[in-house]
Amino acid sequence: MDRTFFIIASLLGGLSVAFGAFGAHALRDRVEPGLLANYQTGVTYMFYHMLALFVVAWAITRWPSSALPVWSGWLFVTGIVFFTGSLVLMAFTGQRWLGAITPIGGVAFIVGLLLLAVTAWRNG
């Protein structure tokens, strides 16, 4: 499973760089500033949680008997899909109602981070 999260993190890292470049160059004059700021926030969170997925890959090898890092990893992936996905789609479509989906991803990020903390606490 550590290999899976390492691969997902690597792919999401490349995607976050591509999204960032696209937003900086192609969207600057095509999307209103508020939606562009939302887009940038989504890409930033995607990048940070891509890094967290590398930590998950490490945690799985460090504490192989714990299922919590695996849950954490899937929560980070879910968070990226909902948080970043909703903000990127909102920027592309202008449909602000998509912002109602964003907190689902935020909660997934928070719970994923808490699970990593619990893993370290229990397995210290």
PDB file of N, CA and C in Angstrom:
ATOM      1  N   MET A   1       0.822  -1.197   0.000  1.00  0.00           N
ATOM      2  CA  MET A   1       0.000   0.000   0.000  1.00  0.00           C
ATOM      3  C   MET A   1       0.867   1.263   0.000  1.00  0.00           C
ATOM      4  N   ASP A   2       2.051   1.173   0.610  1.00  0.00           N
ATOM      5  CA  ASP A   2       2.941   2.336   0.603  1.00  0.00           C
ATOM      6  C   ASP A   2       3.318   2.725  -0.823  1.00  0.00           C
ATOM      7  N   ARG A   3       3.525   1.737  -1.662  1.00  0.00           N
ATOM      8  CA  ARG A   3       3.849   1.998  -3.072  1.00  0.00           C
ATOM      9  C   ARG A   3       2.686   2.704  -3.772  1.00  0.00           C
ATOM     10  N   THR A   4       1.472   2.275  -3.475  1.00  0.00           N
ATOM     11  CA  THR A   4       0.286   2.900  -4.071  1.00  0.00           C
ATOM     12  C   THR A   4       0.221   4.385  -3.738  1.00  0.00           C
ATOM     13  N   PHE A   5       0.398   4.708  -2.472  1.00  0.00           N
ATOM     14  CA  PHE A   5       0.322   6.112  -2.078  1.00  0.00           C
ATOM     15  C   PHE A   5       1.511   6.913  -2.604  1.00  0.00           C
ATOM     16  N   PHE A   6       2.658   6.283  -2.734  1.00  0.00           N
ATOM     17  CA  PHE A   6       3.816   6.973  -3.309  1.00  0.00           C
ATOM     18  C   PHE A   6       3.539   7.327  -4.772  1.00  0.00           C
ATOM     19  N   ILE A   7       2.959   6.386  -5.497  1.00  0.00           N
ATOM     20  CA  ILE A   7       2.621   6.636  -6.907  1.00  0.00           C
ATOM     21  C   ILE A   7       1.547   7.708  -7.028  1.00  0.00           C
ATOM     22  N   ILE A   8       0.488   7.605  -6.215  1.00  0.00           N
ATOM     23  CA  ILE A   8      -0.580   8.612  -6.245  1.00  0.00           C
ATOM     24  C   ILE A   8      -0.013   9.985  -5.916  1.00  0.00           C
ATOM     25  N   ALA A   9       0.837  10.060  -4.904  1.00  0.00           N
ATOM     26  CA  ALA A   9       1.435  11.344  -4.519  1.00  0.00           C
ATOM     27  C   ALA A   9       2.271  11.909  -5.660  1.00  0.00           C
ATOM     28  N   SER A  10       3.041  11.068  -6.308  1.00  0.00           N
ATOM     29  CA  SER A  10       3.879  11.531  -7.412  1.00  0.00           C
ATOM     30  C   SER A  10       3.028  12.088  -8.550  1.00  0.00           C
ATOM     31  N   LEU A  11       1.984  11.378  -8.902  1.00  0.00           N
ATOM     32  CA  LEU A  11       1.099  11.827  -9.980  1.00  0.00           C
ATOM     33  C   LEU A  11       0.373  13.119  -9.603  1.00  0.00           C
ATOM     34  N   LEU A  12      -0.113  13.188  -8.366  1.00  0.00           N
ATOM     35  CA  LEU A  12      -0.785  14.404  -7.917  1.00  0.00           C
ATOM     36  C   LEU A  12       0.178  15.581  -7.828  1.00  0.00           C
ATOM     37  N   GLY A  13       1.429  15.305  -7.524  1.00  0.00           N
ATOM     38  CA  GLY A  13       2.433  16.369  -7.506  1.00  0.00           C
ATOM     39  C   GLY A  13       2.607  16.975  -8.891  1.00  0.00           C
ATOM     40  N   GLY A  14       2.740  16.127  -9.884  1.00  0.00           N
ATOM     41  CA  GLY A  14       2.851  16.611 -11.253  1.00  0.00           C
ATOM     42  C   GLY A  14       1.602  17.364 -11.691  1.00  0.00           C
ATOM     43  N   LEU A  15       0.447  16.841 -11.309  1.00  0.00           N
ATOM     44  CA  LEU A  15      -0.813  17.491 -11.658  1.00  0.00           C
ATOM     45  C   LEU A  15      -0.946  18.844 -10.973  1.00  0.00           C
ATOM     46  N   SER A  16      -0.486  18.940  -9.731  1.00  0.00           N
ATOM     47  CA  SER A  16      -0.593  20.225  -9.027  1.00  0.00           C
ATOM     48  C   SER A  16       0.319  21.275  -9.661  1.00  0.00           C
ATOM     49  N   VAL A  17       1.484  20.863 -10.133  1.00  0.00           N
ATOM     50  CA  VAL A  17       2.361  21.801 -10.830  1.00  0.00           C
ATOM     51  C   VAL A  17       1.716  22.240 -12.145  1.00  0.00           C
ATOM     52  N   ALA A  18       1.141  21.294 -12.872  1.00  0.00           N
ATOM     53  CA  ALA A  18       0.473  21.631 -14.132  1.00  0.00           C
ATOM     54  C   ALA A  18      -0.713  22.568 -13.889  1.00  0.00           C
ATOM     55  N   PHE A  19      -1.535  22.255 -12.876  1.00  0.00           N
ATOM     56  CA  PHE A  19      -2.672  23.129 -12.538  1.00  0.00           C
ATOM     57  C   PHE A  19      -2.191  24.522 -12.142  1.00  0.00           C
ATOM     58  N   GLY A  20      -1.116  24.573 -11.370  1.00  0.00           N
ATOM     59  CA  GLY A  20      -0.589  25.864 -10.945  1.00  0.00           C
ATOM     60  C   GLY A  20      -0.132  26.701 -12.133  1.00  0.00           C
ATOM     61  N   ALA A  21       0.596  26.078 -13.036  1.00  0.00           N
ATOM     62  CA  ALA A  21       1.070  26.792 -14.227  1.00  0.00           C
ATOM     63  C   ALA A  21      -0.099  27.218 -15.105  1.00  0.00           C
ATOM     64  N   PHE A  22      -1.068  26.340 -15.257  1.00  0.00           N
ATOM     65  CA  PHE A  22      -2.249  26.658 -16.058  1.00  0.00           C
ATOM     66  C   PHE A  22      -2.993  27.847 -15.470  1.00  0.00           C
ATOM     67  N   GLY A  23      -3.161  27.833 -14.162  1.00  0.00           N
ATOM     68  CA  GLY A  23      -3.857  28.934 -13.502  1.00  0.00           C
ATOM     69  C   GLY A  23      -3.109  30.245 -13.630  1.00  0.00           C
ATOM     70  N   ALA A  24      -1.795  30.196 -13.511  1.00  0.00           N
ATOM     71  CA  ALA A  24      -0.995  31.418 -13.567  1.00  0.00           C
ATOM     72  C   ALA A  24      -0.944  32.012 -14.969  1.00  0.00           C
ATOM     73  N   HIS A  25      -0.998  31.163 -15.983  1.00  0.00           N
ATOM     74  CA  HIS A  25      -0.817  31.662 -17.345  1.00  0.00           C
ATOM     75  C   HIS A  25      -2.104  31.702 -18.166  1.00  0.00           C
ATOM     76  N   ALA A  26      -2.893  30.635 -18.104  1.00  0.00           N
ATOM     77  CA  ALA A  26      -4.064  30.561 -18.982  1.00  0.00           C
ATOM     78  C   ALA A  26      -5.328  31.143 -18.372  1.00  0.00           C
ATOM     79  N   LEU A  27      -5.437  31.112 -17.053  1.00  0.00           N
ATOM     80  CA  LEU A  27      -6.682  31.565 -16.425  1.00  0.00           C
ATOM     81  C   LEU A  27      -6.650  33.013 -15.971  1.00  0.00           C
ATOM     82  N   ARG A  28      -5.493  33.595 -15.856  1.00  0.00           N
ATOM     83  CA  ARG A  28      -5.345  34.933 -15.281  1.00  0.00           C
ATOM     84  C   ARG A  28      -6.312  35.949 -15.889  1.00  0.00           C
ATOM     85  N   ASP A  29      -6.453  35.957 -17.194  1.00  0.00           N
ATOM     86  CA  ASP A  29      -7.302  36.943 -17.861  1.00  0.00           C
ATOM     87  C   ASP A  29      -8.683  36.406 -18.220  1.00  0.00           C
ATOM     88  N   ARG A  30      -8.958  35.160 -17.886  1.00  0.00           N
ATOM     89  CA  ARG A  30     -10.228  34.534 -18.289  1.00  0.00           C
ATOM     90  C   ARG A  30     -11.188  34.264 -17.133  1.00  0.00           C
ATOM     91  N   VAL A  31     -10.668  34.314 -15.910  1.00  0.00           N
ATOM     92  CA  VAL A  31     -11.486  33.985 -14.739  1.00  0.00           C
ATOM     93  C   VAL A  31     -11.476  35.183 -13.812  1.00  0.00           C
ATOM     94  N   GLU A  32     -12.634  35.489 -13.239  1.00  0.00           N
ATOM     95  CA  GLU A  32     -12.684  36.637 -12.333  1.00  0.00           C
ATOM     96  C   GLU A  32     -11.766  36.412 -11.127  1.00  0.00           C
ATOM     97  N   PRO A  33     -11.230  37.483 -10.567  1.00  0.00           N
ATOM     98  CA  PRO A  33     -10.210  37.361  -9.513  1.00  0.00           C
ATOM     99  C   PRO A  33     -10.623  36.496  -8.318  1.00  0.00           C
ATOM    100  N   GLY A  34     -11.861  36.594  -7.866  1.00  0.00           N
ATOM    101  CA  GLY A  34     -12.289  35.789  -6.724  1.00  0.00           C
ATOM    102  C   GLY A  34     -12.255  34.299  -7.017  1.00  0.00           C
ATOM    103  N   LEU A  35     -12.714  33.924  -8.206  1.00  0.00           N
ATOM    104  CA  LEU A  35     -12.684  32.514  -8.592  1.00  0.00           C
ATOM    105  C   LEU A  35     -11.255  32.035  -8.842  1.00  0.00           C
ATOM    106  N   LEU A  36     -10.415  32.925  -9.362  1.00  0.00           N
ATOM    107  CA  LEU A  36      -9.012  32.561  -9.557  1.00  0.00           C
ATOM    108  C   LEU A  36      -8.320  32.329  -8.211  1.00  0.00           C
ATOM    109  N   ALA A  37      -8.658  33.143  -7.224  1.00  0.00           N
ATOM    110  CA  ALA A  37      -8.101  32.945  -5.874  1.00  0.00           C
ATOM    111  C   ALA A  37      -8.557  31.600  -5.305  1.00  0.00           C
ATOM    112  N   ASN A  38      -9.821  31.243  -5.525  1.00  0.00           N
ATOM    113  CA  ASN A  38     -10.314  29.939  -5.082  1.00  0.00           C
ATOM    114  C   ASN A  38      -9.548  28.810  -5.771  1.00  0.00           C
ATOM    115  N   TYR A  39      -9.343  28.967  -7.066  1.00  0.00           N
ATOM    116  CA  TYR A  39      -8.591  27.981  -7.840  1.00  0.00           C
ATOM    117  C   TYR A  39      -7.194  27.800  -7.247  1.00  0.00           C
ATOM    118  N   GLN A  40      -6.524  28.910  -6.984  1.00  0.00           N
ATOM    119  CA  GLN A  40      -5.169  28.854  -6.431  1.00  0.00           C
ATOM    120  C   GLN A  40      -5.157  28.191  -5.062  1.00  0.00           C
ATOM    121  N   THR A  41      -6.186  28.459  -4.249  1.00  0.00           N
ATOM    122  CA  THR A  41      -6.282  27.805  -2.943  1.00  0.00           C
ATOM    123  C   THR A  41      -6.420  26.298  -3.115  1.00  0.00           C
ATOM    124  N   GLY A  42      -7.261  25.883  -4.035  1.00  0.00           N
ATOM    125  CA  GLY A  42      -7.442  24.450  -4.290  1.00  0.00           C
ATOM    126  C   GLY A  42      -6.153  23.777  -4.709  1.00  0.00           C
ATOM    127  N   VAL A  43      -5.416  24.418  -5.612  1.00  0.00           N
ATOM    128  CA  VAL A  43      -4.155  23.847  -6.091  1.00  0.00           C
ATOM    129  C   VAL A  43      -3.124  23.806  -4.958  1.00  0.00           C
ATOM    130  N   THR A  44      -3.101  24.834  -4.136  1.00  0.00           N
ATOM    131  CA  THR A  44      -2.166  24.861  -3.004  1.00  0.00           C
ATOM    132  C   THR A  44      -2.457  23.718  -2.038  1.00  0.00           C
ATOM    133  N   TYR A  45      -3.725  23.519  -1.711  1.00  0.00           N
ATOM    134  CA  TYR A  45      -4.079  22.427  -0.806  1.00  0.00           C
ATOM    135  C   TYR A  45      -3.784  21.071  -1.425  1.00  0.00           C
ATOM    136  N   MET A  46      -3.965  20.964  -2.727  1.00  0.00           N
ATOM    137  CA  MET A  46      -3.623  19.724  -3.416  1.00  0.00           C
ATOM    138  C   MET A  46      -2.131  19.439  -3.252  1.00  0.00           C
ATOM    139  N   PHE A  47      -1.318  20.461  -3.424  1.00  0.00           N
ATOM    140  CA  PHE A  47       0.131  20.291  -3.300  1.00  0.00           C
ATOM    141  C   PHE A  47       0.515  19.872  -1.882  1.00  0.00           C
ATOM    142  N   TYR A  48      -0.024  20.560  -0.888  1.00  0.00           N
ATOM    143  CA  TYR A  48       0.312  20.214   0.496  1.00  0.00           C
ATOM    144  C   TYR A  48      -0.094  18.785   0.837  1.00  0.00           C
ATOM    145  N   HIS A  49      -1.255  18.371   0.370  1.00  0.00           N
ATOM    146  CA  HIS A  49      -1.724  17.041   0.732  1.00  0.00           C
ATOM    147  C   HIS A  49      -1.105  15.953  -0.136  1.00  0.00           C
ATOM    148  N   MET A  50      -0.544  16.349  -1.285  1.00  0.00           N
ATOM    149  CA  MET A  50       0.302  15.428  -2.028  1.00  0.00           C
ATOM    150  C   MET A  50       1.527  15.112  -1.180  1.00  0.00           C
ATOM    151  N   LEU A  51       2.097  16.131  -0.545  1.00  0.00           N
ATOM    152  CA  LEU A  51       3.234  15.891   0.356  1.00  0.00           C
ATOM    153  C   LEU A  51       2.813  15.003   1.529  1.00  0.00           C
ATOM    154  N   ALA A  52       1.609  15.230   2.029  1.00  0.00           N
ATOM    155  CA  ALA A  52       1.103  14.401   3.125  1.00  0.00           C
ATOM    156  C   ALA A  52       0.981  12.941   2.695  1.00  0.00           C
ATOM    157  N   LEU A  53       0.683  12.700   1.422  1.00  0.00           N
ATOM    158  CA  LEU A  53       0.603  11.318   0.945  1.00  0.00           C
ATOM    159  C   LEU A  53       1.978  10.639   0.962  1.00  0.00           C
ATOM    160  N   PHE A  54       3.032  11.398   0.748  1.00  0.00           N
ATOM    161  CA  PHE A  54       4.368  10.815   0.910  1.00  0.00           C
ATOM    162  C   PHE A  54       4.616  10.442   2.367  1.00  0.00           C
ATOM    163  N   VAL A  55       4.127  11.268   3.281  1.00  0.00           N
ATOM    164  CA  VAL A  55       4.234  10.940   4.707  1.00  0.00           C
ATOM    165  C   VAL A  55       3.438   9.674   5.007  1.00  0.00           C
ATOM    166  N   VAL A  56       2.276   9.552   4.400  1.00  0.00           N
ATOM    167  CA  VAL A  56       1.462   8.340   4.575  1.00  0.00           C
ATOM    168  C   VAL A  56       2.238   7.111   4.100  1.00  0.00           C
ATOM    169  N   ALA A  57       2.869   7.209   2.937  1.00  0.00           N
ATOM    170  CA  ALA A  57       3.652   6.069   2.427  1.00  0.00           C
ATOM    171  C   ALA A  57       4.737   5.683   3.425  1.00  0.00           C
ATOM    172  N   TRP A  58       5.402   6.694   3.985  1.00  0.00           N
ATOM    173  CA  TRP A  58       6.424   6.426   4.997  1.00  0.00           C
ATOM    174  C   TRP A  58       5.805   5.805   6.255  1.00  0.00           C
ATOM    175  N   ALA A  59       4.659   6.351   6.707  1.00  0.00           N
ATOM    176  CA  ALA A  59       4.019   5.866   7.936  1.00  0.00           C
ATOM    177  C   ALA A  59       3.577   4.411   7.792  1.00  0.00           C
ATOM    178  N   ILE A  60       3.150   4.041   6.606  1.00  0.00           N
ATOM    179  CA  ILE A  60       2.732   2.652   6.379  1.00  0.00           C
ATOM    180  C   ILE A  60       3.915   1.710   6.560  1.00  0.00           C
ATOM    181  N   THR A  61       5.087   2.128   6.116  1.00  0.00           N
ATOM    182  CA  THR A  61       6.262   1.272   6.296  1.00  0.00           C
ATOM    183  C   THR A  61       6.784   1.328   7.726  1.00  0.00           C
ATOM    184  N   ARG A  62       6.603   2.459   8.389  1.00  0.00           N
ATOM    185  CA  ARG A  62       7.070   2.644   9.776  1.00  0.00           C
ATOM    186  C   ARG A  62       6.219   1.867  10.756  1.00  0.00           C
ATOM    187  N   TRP A  63       4.901   1.876  10.539  1.00  0.00           N
ATOM    188  CA  TRP A  63       3.953   1.203  11.422  1.00  0.00           C
ATOM    189  C   TRP A  63       3.061   0.271  10.606  1.00  0.00           C
ATOM    190  N   PRO A  64       3.620  -0.820  10.097  1.00  0.00           N
ATOM    191  CA  PRO A  64       2.868  -1.696   9.188  1.00  0.00           C
ATOM    192  C   PRO A  64       1.667  -2.392   9.815  1.00  0.00           C
ATOM    193  N   SER A  65       1.622  -2.497  11.132  1.00  0.00           N
ATOM    194  CA  SER A  65       0.492  -3.180  11.769  1.00  0.00           C
ATOM    195  C   SER A  65      -0.713  -2.267  11.967  1.00  0.00           C
ATOM    196  N   SER A  66      -0.558  -0.982  11.702  1.00  0.00           N
ATOM    197  CA  SER A  66      -1.659  -0.042  11.888  1.00  0.00           C
ATOM    198  C   SER A  66      -2.356   0.239  10.555  1.00  0.00           C
ATOM    199  N   ALA A  67      -3.675   0.173  10.594  1.00  0.00           N
ATOM    200  CA  ALA A  67      -4.471   0.496   9.399  1.00  0.00           C
ATOM    201  C   ALA A  67      -4.728   1.998   9.278  1.00  0.00           C
ATOM    202  N   LEU A  68      -4.442   2.747  10.334  1.00  0.00           N
ATOM    203  CA  LEU A  68      -4.777   4.177  10.332  1.00  0.00           C
ATOM    204  C   LEU A  68      -4.062   4.981   9.247  1.00  0.00           C
ATOM    205  N   PRO A  69      -2.786   4.729   8.961  1.00  0.00           N
ATOM    206  CA  PRO A  69      -2.167   5.495   7.877  1.00  0.00           C
ATOM    207  C   PRO A  69      -2.828   5.246   6.514  1.00  0.00           C
ATOM    208  N   VAL A  70      -3.301   4.037   6.299  1.00  0.00           N
ATOM    209  CA  VAL A  70      -4.000   3.736   5.044  1.00  0.00           C
ATOM    210  C   VAL A  70      -5.294   4.539   4.970  1.00  0.00           C
ATOM    211  N   TRP A  71      -6.044   4.554   6.055  1.00  0.00           N
ATOM    212  CA  TRP A  71      -7.258   5.367   6.106  1.00  0.00           C
ATOM    213  C   TRP A  71      -6.916   6.837   5.881  1.00  0.00           C
ATOM    214  N   SER A  72      -5.855   7.279   6.499  1.00  0.00           N
ATOM    215  CA  SER A  72      -5.415   8.653   6.342  1.00  0.00           C
ATOM    216  C   SER A  72      -5.134   8.966   4.872  1.00  0.00           C
ATOM    217  N   GLY A  73      -4.438   8.087   4.210  1.00  0.00           N
ATOM    218  CA  GLY A  73      -4.118   8.290   2.795  1.00  0.00           C
ATOM    219  C   GLY A  73      -5.351   8.408   1.930  1.00  0.00           C
ATOM    220  N   TRP A  74      -6.310   7.515   2.149  1.00  0.00           N
ATOM    221  CA  TRP A  74      -7.535   7.591   1.335  1.00  0.00           C
ATOM    222  C   TRP A  74      -8.345   8.833   1.675  1.00  0.00           C
ATOM    223  N   LEU A  75      -8.264   9.291   2.914  1.00  0.00           N
ATOM    224  CA  LEU A  75      -8.932  10.554   3.263  1.00  0.00           C
ATOM    225  C   LEU A  75      -8.259  11.737   2.563  1.00  0.00           C
ATOM    226  N   PHE A  76      -6.947  11.710   2.441  1.00  0.00           N
ATOM    227  CA  PHE A  76      -6.258  12.779   1.711  1.00  0.00           C
ATOM    228  C   PHE A  76      -6.648  12.770   0.237  1.00  0.00           C
ATOM    229  N   VAL A  77      -6.725  11.592  -0.358  1.00  0.00           N
ATOM    230  CA  VAL A  77      -7.155  11.497  -1.760  1.00  0.00           C
ATOM    231  C   VAL A  77      -8.584  12.020  -1.906  1.00  0.00           C
ATOM    232  N   THR A  78      -9.455  11.614  -0.984  1.00  0.00           N
ATOM    233  CA  THR A  78     -10.842  12.094  -0.999  1.00  0.00           C
ATOM    234  C   THR A  78     -10.883  13.609  -0.829  1.00  0.00           C
ATOM    235  N   GLY A  79     -10.071  14.115   0.086  1.00  0.00           N
ATOM    236  CA  GLY A  79     -10.022  15.555   0.307  1.00  0.00           C
ATOM    237  C   GLY A  79      -9.588  16.308  -0.937  1.00  0.00           C
ATOM    238  N   ILE A  80      -8.596  15.787  -1.626  1.00  0.00           N
ATOM    239  CA  ILE A  80      -8.134  16.428  -2.856  1.00  0.00           C
ATOM    240  C   ILE A  80      -9.244  16.439  -3.902  1.00  0.00           C
ATOM    241  N   VAL A  81      -9.931  15.319  -4.043  1.00  0.00           N
ATOM    242  CA  VAL A  81     -11.013  15.248  -5.030  1.00  0.00           C
ATOM    243  C   VAL A  81     -12.102  16.266  -4.705  1.00  0.00           C
ATOM    244  N   PHE A  82     -12.547  16.303  -3.462  1.00  0.00           N
ATOM    245  CA  PHE A  82     -13.655  17.194  -3.104  1.00  0.00           C
ATOM    246  C   PHE A  82     -13.221  18.646  -2.941  1.00  0.00           C
ATOM    247  N   PHE A  83     -12.127  18.883  -2.234  1.00  0.00           N
ATOM    248  CA  PHE A  83     -11.697  20.259  -1.968  1.00  0.00           C
ATOM    249  C   PHE A  83     -11.160  20.901  -3.247  1.00  0.00           C
ATOM    250  N   THR A  84     -10.088  20.325  -3.776  1.00  0.00           N
ATOM    251  CA  THR A  84      -9.491  20.893  -4.976  1.00  0.00           C
ATOM    252  C   THR A  84     -10.435  20.776  -6.164  1.00  0.00           C
ATOM    253  N   GLY A  85     -11.047  19.621  -6.296  1.00  0.00           N
ATOM    254  CA  GLY A  85     -11.959  19.413  -7.424  1.00  0.00           C
ATOM    255  C   GLY A  85     -13.082  20.428  -7.480  1.00  0.00           C
ATOM    256  N   SER A  86     -13.704  20.697  -6.336  1.00  0.00           N
ATOM    257  CA  SER A  86     -14.817  21.651  -6.334  1.00  0.00           C
ATOM    258  C   SER A  86     -14.342  23.063  -6.654  1.00  0.00           C
ATOM    259  N   LEU A  87     -13.184  23.454  -6.142  1.00  0.00           N
ATOM    260  CA  LEU A  87     -12.675  24.809  -6.403  1.00  0.00           C
ATOM    261  C   LEU A  87     -12.221  24.983  -7.850  1.00  0.00           C
ATOM    262  N   VAL A  88     -11.602  23.955  -8.413  1.00  0.00           N
ATOM    263  CA  VAL A  88     -11.189  24.018  -9.816  1.00  0.00           C
ATOM    264  C   VAL A  88     -12.419  24.062 -10.721  1.00  0.00           C
ATOM    265  N   LEU A  89     -13.387  23.204 -10.456  1.00  0.00           N
ATOM    266  CA  LEU A  89     -14.611  23.217 -11.265  1.00  0.00           C
ATOM    267  C   LEU A  89     -15.360  24.539 -11.135  1.00  0.00           C
ATOM    268  N   MET A  90     -15.358  25.104  -9.940  1.00  0.00           N
ATOM    269  CA  MET A  90     -16.019  26.393  -9.739  1.00  0.00           C
ATOM    270  C   MET A  90     -15.340  27.469 -10.586  1.00  0.00           C
ATOM    271  N   ALA A  91     -14.024  27.456 -10.642  1.00  0.00           N
ATOM    272  CA  ALA A  91     -13.301  28.446 -11.454  1.00  0.00           C
ATOM    273  C   ALA A  91     -13.603  28.260 -12.935  1.00  0.00           C
ATOM    274  N   PHE A  92     -13.667  27.012 -13.391  1.00  0.00           N
ATOM    275  CA  PHE A  92     -13.915  26.749 -14.806  1.00  0.00           C
ATOM    276  C   PHE A  92     -15.352  27.056 -15.228  1.00  0.00           C
ATOM    277  N   THR A  93     -16.292  26.768 -14.330  1.00  0.00           N
ATOM    278  CA  THR A  93     -17.706  26.886 -14.705  1.00  0.00           C
ATOM    279  C   THR A  93     -18.385  28.146 -14.182  1.00  0.00           C
ATOM    280  N   GLY A  94     -17.827  28.750 -13.143  1.00  0.00           N
ATOM    281  CA  GLY A  94     -18.485  29.896 -12.516  1.00  0.00           C
ATOM    282  C   GLY A  94     -19.645  29.499 -11.617  1.00  0.00           C
ATOM    283  N   GLN A  95     -19.863  28.217 -11.442  1.00  0.00           N
ATOM    284  CA  GLN A  95     -20.964  27.714 -10.610  1.00  0.00           C
ATOM    285  C   GLN A  95     -20.555  27.754  -9.143  1.00  0.00           C
ATOM    286  N   ARG A  96     -20.960  28.808  -8.460  1.00  0.00           N
ATOM    287  CA  ARG A  96     -20.531  29.011  -7.074  1.00  0.00           C
ATOM    288  C   ARG A  96     -21.129  27.996  -6.094  1.00  0.00           C
ATOM    289  N   TRP A  97     -22.202  27.332  -6.460  1.00  0.00           N
ATOM    290  CA  TRP A  97     -22.794  26.334  -5.578  1.00  0.00           C
ATOM    291  C   TRP A  97     -21.818  25.189  -5.310  1.00  0.00           C
ATOM    292  N   LEU A  98     -20.828  25.010  -6.193  1.00  0.00           N
ATOM    293  CA  LEU A  98     -19.827  23.961  -5.974  1.00  0.00           C
ATOM    294  C   LEU A  98     -19.021  24.204  -4.703  1.00  0.00           C
ATOM    295  N   GLY A  99     -19.001  25.458  -4.238  1.00  0.00           N
ATOM    296  CA  GLY A  99     -18.320  25.771  -2.989  1.00  0.00           C
ATOM    297  C   GLY A  99     -18.926  25.053  -1.793  1.00  0.00           C
ATOM    298  N   ALA A 100     -20.172  24.610  -1.917  1.00  0.00           N
ATOM    299  CA  ALA A 100     -20.808  23.859  -0.831  1.00  0.00           C
ATOM    300  C   ALA A 100     -20.195  22.474  -0.660  1.00  0.00           C
ATOM    301  N   ILE A 101     -19.511  21.996  -1.687  1.00  0.00           N
ATOM    302  CA  ILE A 101     -18.872  20.676  -1.638  1.00  0.00           C
ATOM    303  C   ILE A 101     -17.497  20.758  -0.981  1.00  0.00           C
ATOM    304  N   THR A 102     -16.868  21.904  -1.089  1.00  0.00           N
ATOM    305  CA  THR A 102     -15.493  22.088  -0.633  1.00  0.00           C
ATOM    306  C   THR A 102     -15.256  21.646   0.815  1.00  0.00           C
ATOM    307  N   PRO A 103     -16.153  21.979   1.767  1.00  0.00           N
ATOM    308  CA  PRO A 103     -15.893  21.572   3.161  1.00  0.00           C
ATOM    309  C   PRO A 103     -15.801  20.065   3.379  1.00  0.00           C
ATOM    310  N   ILE A 104     -16.423  19.286   2.503  1.00  0.00           N
ATOM    311  CA  ILE A 104     -16.295  17.824   2.629  1.00  0.00           C
ATOM    312  C   ILE A 104     -14.818  17.441   2.517  1.00  0.00           C
ATOM    313  N   GLY A 105     -14.150  18.052   1.546  1.00  0.00           N
ATOM    314  CA  GLY A 105     -12.721  17.794   1.387  1.00  0.00           C
ATOM    315  C   GLY A 105     -11.907  18.305   2.556  1.00  0.00           C
ATOM    316  N   GLY A 106     -12.277  19.468   3.078  1.00  0.00           N
ATOM    317  CA  GLY A 106     -11.568  20.023   4.230  1.00  0.00           C
ATOM    318  C   GLY A 106     -11.670  19.115   5.443  1.00  0.00           C
ATOM    319  N   VAL A 107     -12.851  18.570   5.670  1.00  0.00           N
ATOM    320  CA  VAL A 107     -13.033  17.638   6.794  1.00  0.00           C
ATOM    321  C   VAL A 107     -12.199  16.376   6.570  1.00  0.00           C
ATOM    322  N   ALA A 108     -12.165  15.893   5.347  1.00  0.00           N
ATOM    323  CA  ALA A 108     -11.347  14.707   5.049  1.00  0.00           C
ATOM    324  C   ALA A 108      -9.872  14.983   5.341  1.00  0.00           C
ATOM    325  N   PHE A 109      -9.388  16.179   4.976  1.00  0.00           N
ATOM    326  CA  PHE A 109      -8.000  16.539   5.278  1.00  0.00           C
ATOM    327  C   PHE A 109      -7.754  16.528   6.782  1.00  0.00           C
ATOM    328  N   ILE A 110      -8.645  17.140   7.532  1.00  0.00           N
ATOM    329  CA  ILE A 110      -8.481  17.237   8.985  1.00  0.00           C
ATOM    330  C   ILE A 110      -8.470  15.857   9.628  1.00  0.00           C
ATOM    331  N   VAL A 111      -9.430  15.023   9.253  1.00  0.00           N
ATOM    332  CA  VAL A 111      -9.502  13.681   9.843  1.00  0.00           C
ATOM    333  C   VAL A 111      -8.268  12.867   9.447  1.00  0.00           C
ATOM    334  N   GLY A 112      -7.825  13.006   8.208  1.00  0.00           N
ATOM    335  CA  GLY A 112      -6.612  12.302   7.772  1.00  0.00           C
ATOM    336  C   GLY A 112      -5.405  12.685   8.602  1.00  0.00           C
ATOM    337  N   LEU A 113      -5.261  13.973   8.868  1.00  0.00           N
ATOM    338  CA  LEU A 113      -4.138  14.426   9.699  1.00  0.00           C
ATOM    339  C   LEU A 113      -4.264  13.933  11.134  1.00  0.00           C
ATOM    340  N   LEU A 114      -5.481  13.942  11.658  1.00  0.00           N
ATOM    341  CA  LEU A 114      -5.684  13.422  13.014  1.00  0.00           C
ATOM    342  C   LEU A 114      -5.347  11.934  13.089  1.00  0.00           C
ATOM    343  N   LEU A 115      -5.690  11.177  12.064  1.00  0.00           N
ATOM    344  CA  LEU A 115      -5.363   9.752  12.062  1.00  0.00           C
ATOM    345  C   LEU A 115      -3.854   9.525  12.049  1.00  0.00           C
ATOM    346  N   LEU A 116      -3.134  10.362  11.342  1.00  0.00           N
ATOM    347  CA  LEU A 116      -1.668  10.244  11.390  1.00  0.00           C
ATOM    348  C   LEU A 116      -1.143  10.531  12.791  1.00  0.00           C
ATOM    349  N   ALA A 117      -1.715  11.539  13.440  1.00  0.00           N
ATOM    350  CA  ALA A 117      -1.301  11.859  14.799  1.00  0.00           C
ATOM    351  C   ALA A 117      -1.608  10.708  15.753  1.00  0.00           C
ATOM    352  N   VAL A 118      -2.780  10.120  15.622  1.00  0.00           N
ATOM    353  CA  VAL A 118      -3.155   8.983  16.465  1.00  0.00           C
ATOM    354  C   VAL A 118      -2.219   7.803  16.213  1.00  0.00           C
ATOM    355  N   THR A 119      -1.869   7.586  14.971  1.00  0.00           N
ATOM    356  CA  THR A 119      -0.942   6.492  14.633  1.00  0.00           C
ATOM    357  C   THR A 119       0.377   6.675  15.370  1.00  0.00           C
ATOM    358  N   ALA A 120       0.934   7.861  15.304  1.00  0.00           N
ATOM    359  CA  ALA A 120       2.213   8.118  15.965  1.00  0.00           C
ATOM    360  C   ALA A 120       2.067   8.014  17.476  1.00  0.00           C
ATOM    361  N   TRP A 121       0.957   8.506  18.016  1.00  0.00           N
ATOM    362  CA  TRP A 121       0.721   8.479  19.452  1.00  0.00           C
ATOM    363  C   TRP A 121       0.663   7.035  19.962  1.00  0.00           C
ATOM    364  N   ARG A 122      -0.096   6.214  19.258  1.00  0.00           N
ATOM    365  CA  ARG A 122      -0.282   4.822  19.692  1.00  0.00           C
ATOM    366  C   ARG A 122       0.962   3.958  19.505  1.00  0.00           C
ATOM    367  N   ASN A 123       1.734   4.280  18.485  1.00  0.00           N
ATOM    368  CA  ASN A 123       2.851   3.408  18.127  1.00  0.00           C
ATOM    369  C   ASN A 123       4.208   3.992  18.487  1.00  0.00           C
ATOM    370  N   GLY A 124       4.181   5.171  19.126  1.00  0.00           N
ATOM    371  CA  GLY A 124       5.332   5.943  19.527  1.00  0.00           C
ATOM    372  C   GLY A 124       6.612   5.278  19.560  1.00  0.00           C
TER     373      GLY A 124
END
